[in-house]
């Protein structure tokens, strides 16, 4: 099995985009939790399932985007 250079470039770009997406989604989750706490609540679903949500928000972009980038790069290059 050979590794495609174009696929590796796509995976690198996908990794970078996944990292950006993770940072954005992490900030959104923190903002929603803070907004719920300021409104007098307990933090809502984000506070209750915080560890699970943070795990999903980390794993899906950080692993998924490079895989999609590799597949797209290797398919486009032939």
N, C-alpha and C. Protein backbone atom coordinates (compact mmCIF):
# COMPACT_ATOMS: atom_id res chain seq x y z
N UNK A 1 0.84 -1.18 0.00
CA UNK A 1 0.00 0.00 0.00
C UNK A 1 0.89 1.24 0.00
N UNK A 2 0.70 2.09 -0.98
CA UNK A 2 1.49 3.31 -1.07
C UNK A 2 0.72 4.49 -0.49
N UNK A 3 1.45 5.43 0.02
CA UNK A 3 0.85 6.62 0.62
C UNK A 3 0.93 7.75 -0.39
N UNK A 4 -0.18 8.39 -0.63
CA UNK A 4 -0.25 9.48 -1.59
C UNK A 4 0.24 10.78 -0.96
N UNK A 5 1.13 11.48 -1.66
CA UNK A 5 1.61 12.78 -1.18
C UNK A 5 0.46 13.78 -1.15
N UNK A 6 -0.37 13.76 -2.18
CA UNK A 6 -1.53 14.66 -2.20
C UNK A 6 -2.48 14.33 -1.05
N UNK A 7 -2.60 13.06 -0.73
CA UNK A 7 -3.42 12.66 0.41
C UNK A 7 -2.86 13.18 1.72
N UNK A 8 -1.54 13.15 1.86
CA UNK A 8 -0.92 13.68 3.08
C UNK A 8 -1.11 15.18 3.20
N UNK A 9 -1.03 15.89 2.08
CA UNK A 9 -1.29 17.33 2.10
C UNK A 9 -2.74 17.58 2.49
N UNK A 10 -3.65 16.81 1.93
CA UNK A 10 -5.07 16.93 2.29
C UNK A 10 -5.30 16.62 3.76
N UNK A 11 -4.60 15.62 4.28
CA UNK A 11 -4.73 15.28 5.70
C UNK A 11 -4.19 16.40 6.59
N UNK A 12 -3.09 17.02 6.16
CA UNK A 12 -2.54 18.13 6.94
C UNK A 12 -3.51 19.31 6.96
N UNK A 13 -4.07 19.63 5.80
CA UNK A 13 -5.06 20.70 5.75
C UNK A 13 -6.30 20.34 6.56
N UNK A 14 -6.72 19.10 6.48
CA UNK A 14 -7.86 18.64 7.27
C UNK A 14 -7.58 18.71 8.76
N UNK A 15 -6.36 18.38 9.15
CA UNK A 15 -5.98 18.48 10.55
C UNK A 15 -6.03 19.91 11.06
N UNK A 16 -5.55 20.83 10.23
CA UNK A 16 -5.59 22.24 10.60
C UNK A 16 -7.04 22.73 10.71
N UNK A 17 -7.86 22.38 9.74
CA UNK A 17 -9.27 22.79 9.79
C UNK A 17 -10.00 22.13 10.95
N UNK A 18 -9.66 20.89 11.26
CA UNK A 18 -10.24 20.22 12.41
C UNK A 18 -9.86 20.90 13.71
N UNK A 19 -8.61 21.34 13.81
CA UNK A 19 -8.15 22.06 15.01
C UNK A 19 -8.91 23.37 15.16
N UNK A 20 -9.05 24.12 14.05
CA UNK A 20 -9.82 25.37 14.10
C UNK A 20 -11.26 25.12 14.50
N UNK A 21 -11.87 24.11 13.92
CA UNK A 21 -13.25 23.78 14.24
C UNK A 21 -13.40 23.40 15.71
N UNK A 22 -12.45 22.65 16.23
CA UNK A 22 -12.48 22.26 17.64
C UNK A 22 -12.42 23.48 18.55
N UNK A 23 -11.52 24.42 18.24
CA UNK A 23 -11.40 25.62 19.06
C UNK A 23 -12.70 26.43 19.03
N UNK A 24 -13.30 26.56 17.87
CA UNK A 24 -14.55 27.32 17.74
C UNK A 24 -15.67 26.64 18.52
N UNK A 25 -15.83 25.34 18.34
CA UNK A 25 -16.90 24.62 19.03
C UNK A 25 -16.70 24.60 20.54
N UNK A 26 -15.45 24.51 20.97
CA UNK A 26 -15.17 24.55 22.41
C UNK A 26 -15.59 25.89 22.99
N UNK A 27 -15.32 26.97 22.28
CA UNK A 27 -15.73 28.29 22.73
C UNK A 27 -17.23 28.46 22.76
N UNK A 28 -17.90 27.89 21.76
CA UNK A 28 -19.37 27.97 21.72
C UNK A 28 -19.97 27.22 22.91
N UNK A 29 -19.45 26.03 23.22
CA UNK A 29 -19.96 25.27 24.37
C UNK A 29 -19.74 26.03 25.67
N UNK A 30 -18.59 26.65 25.82
CA UNK A 30 -18.33 27.43 27.03
C UNK A 30 -19.26 28.63 27.12
N UNK A 31 -19.51 29.29 26.00
CA UNK A 31 -20.40 30.45 26.00
C UNK A 31 -21.83 30.06 26.34
N UNK A 32 -22.30 28.94 25.82
CA UNK A 32 -23.66 28.48 26.12
C UNK A 32 -23.79 28.14 27.59
N UNK A 33 -22.80 27.46 28.14
CA UNK A 33 -22.85 27.10 29.56
C UNK A 33 -22.83 28.35 30.43
N UNK A 34 -21.97 29.30 30.10
CA UNK A 34 -21.89 30.54 30.87
C UNK A 34 -23.19 31.34 30.78
N UNK A 35 -23.79 31.37 29.61
CA UNK A 35 -25.06 32.09 29.42
C UNK A 35 -26.15 31.46 30.28
N UNK A 36 -26.20 30.14 30.32
CA UNK A 36 -27.20 29.45 31.15
C UNK A 36 -26.96 29.71 32.63
N UNK A 37 -25.71 29.74 33.04
CA UNK A 37 -25.40 29.98 34.46
C UNK A 37 -25.75 31.42 34.86
N UNK A 38 -25.48 32.38 33.98
CA UNK A 38 -25.81 33.78 34.28
C UNK A 38 -27.31 34.01 34.35
N UNK A 39 -28.06 33.22 33.62
CA UNK A 39 -29.52 33.35 33.64
C UNK A 39 -30.13 32.70 34.88
N UNK A 40 -29.30 32.17 35.74
CA UNK A 40 -29.78 31.58 36.98
C UNK A 40 -29.98 30.09 36.93
N UNK A 41 -29.59 29.47 35.84
CA UNK A 41 -29.75 28.03 35.71
C UNK A 41 -28.55 27.27 36.23
N UNK A 42 -28.58 25.99 36.01
CA UNK A 42 -27.49 25.12 36.46
C UNK A 42 -26.47 24.85 35.36
N UNK A 43 -26.60 25.50 34.23
CA UNK A 43 -25.68 25.28 33.12
C UNK A 43 -26.30 24.50 31.99
N UNK A 44 -27.46 23.91 32.22
CA UNK A 44 -28.19 23.20 31.18
C UNK A 44 -27.53 21.89 30.78
N UNK A 45 -27.85 21.47 29.58
CA UNK A 45 -27.33 20.19 29.07
C UNK A 45 -25.81 20.20 28.91
N UNK A 46 -25.27 21.38 28.62
CA UNK A 46 -23.82 21.46 28.45
C UNK A 46 -23.11 21.14 29.76
N UNK A 47 -23.65 21.60 30.87
CA UNK A 47 -23.03 21.31 32.16
C UNK A 47 -23.24 19.85 32.55
N UNK A 48 -24.42 19.32 32.25
CA UNK A 48 -24.71 17.94 32.63
C UNK A 48 -23.88 16.94 31.84
N UNK A 49 -23.79 17.16 30.55
CA UNK A 49 -23.07 16.23 29.67
C UNK A 49 -21.80 16.86 29.13
N UNK A 50 -21.17 17.70 29.93
CA UNK A 50 -20.00 18.45 29.48
C UNK A 50 -18.85 17.58 29.03
N UNK A 51 -18.52 16.56 29.80
CA UNK A 51 -17.37 15.72 29.45
C UNK A 51 -17.62 14.97 28.14
N UNK A 52 -18.83 14.46 27.98
CA UNK A 52 -19.17 13.74 26.75
C UNK A 52 -19.16 14.68 25.55
N UNK A 53 -19.76 15.85 25.70
CA UNK A 53 -19.80 16.81 24.60
C UNK A 53 -18.40 17.28 24.23
N UNK A 54 -17.59 17.58 25.23
CA UNK A 54 -16.22 18.03 24.94
C UNK A 54 -15.41 16.92 24.27
N UNK A 55 -15.65 15.69 24.68
CA UNK A 55 -14.97 14.56 24.03
C UNK A 55 -15.37 14.40 22.58
N UNK A 56 -16.67 14.48 22.32
CA UNK A 56 -17.15 14.37 20.94
C UNK A 56 -16.67 15.53 20.09
N UNK A 57 -16.71 16.74 20.66
CA UNK A 57 -16.27 17.92 19.93
C UNK A 57 -14.78 17.84 19.63
N UNK A 58 -14.01 17.15 20.46
CA UNK A 58 -12.58 17.00 20.20
C UNK A 58 -12.32 15.90 19.18
N UNK A 59 -12.94 14.74 19.37
CA UNK A 59 -12.61 13.56 18.57
C UNK A 59 -13.09 13.69 17.13
N UNK A 60 -14.31 14.14 16.94
CA UNK A 60 -14.87 14.15 15.58
C UNK A 60 -14.09 15.07 14.64
N UNK A 61 -13.83 16.34 14.98
CA UNK A 61 -13.05 17.15 14.04
C UNK A 61 -11.58 16.75 13.94
N UNK A 62 -10.96 16.41 15.06
CA UNK A 62 -9.52 16.13 15.05
C UNK A 62 -9.21 14.83 14.30
N UNK A 63 -10.09 13.86 14.33
CA UNK A 63 -9.87 12.61 13.60
C UNK A 63 -10.57 12.62 12.25
N UNK A 64 -11.79 13.13 12.21
CA UNK A 64 -12.59 13.07 10.99
C UNK A 64 -12.07 13.94 9.86
N UNK A 65 -11.69 15.17 10.16
CA UNK A 65 -11.26 16.09 9.11
C UNK A 65 -9.99 15.62 8.40
N UNK A 66 -8.96 15.15 9.11
CA UNK A 66 -7.79 14.64 8.39
C UNK A 66 -8.10 13.41 7.53
N UNK A 67 -8.97 12.54 8.00
CA UNK A 67 -9.34 11.36 7.20
C UNK A 67 -10.04 11.80 5.92
N UNK A 68 -10.99 12.72 6.04
CA UNK A 68 -11.69 13.23 4.86
C UNK A 68 -10.72 13.96 3.95
N UNK A 69 -9.79 14.73 4.52
CA UNK A 69 -8.79 15.44 3.72
C UNK A 69 -7.88 14.49 2.97
N UNK A 70 -7.46 13.41 3.63
CA UNK A 70 -6.61 12.42 2.96
C UNK A 70 -7.35 11.77 1.80
N UNK A 71 -8.58 11.35 2.06
CA UNK A 71 -9.36 10.70 1.00
C UNK A 71 -9.62 11.64 -0.17
N UNK A 72 -9.95 12.89 0.13
CA UNK A 72 -10.20 13.86 -0.94
C UNK A 72 -8.92 14.13 -1.73
N UNK A 73 -7.81 14.32 -1.04
CA UNK A 73 -6.55 14.59 -1.72
C UNK A 73 -6.09 13.44 -2.59
N UNK A 74 -6.21 12.23 -2.09
CA UNK A 74 -5.76 11.08 -2.88
C UNK A 74 -6.69 10.82 -4.07
N UNK A 75 -7.98 11.10 -3.92
CA UNK A 75 -8.91 10.91 -5.04
C UNK A 75 -8.72 11.98 -6.11
N UNK A 76 -8.46 13.21 -5.69
CA UNK A 76 -8.28 14.29 -6.67
C UNK A 76 -6.98 14.13 -7.45
N UNK A 77 -5.95 13.61 -6.80
CA UNK A 77 -4.66 13.45 -7.47
C UNK A 77 -4.62 12.21 -8.36
N UNK A 78 -5.51 11.28 -8.08
CA UNK A 78 -5.55 10.09 -8.92
C UNK A 78 -4.86 8.99 -8.28
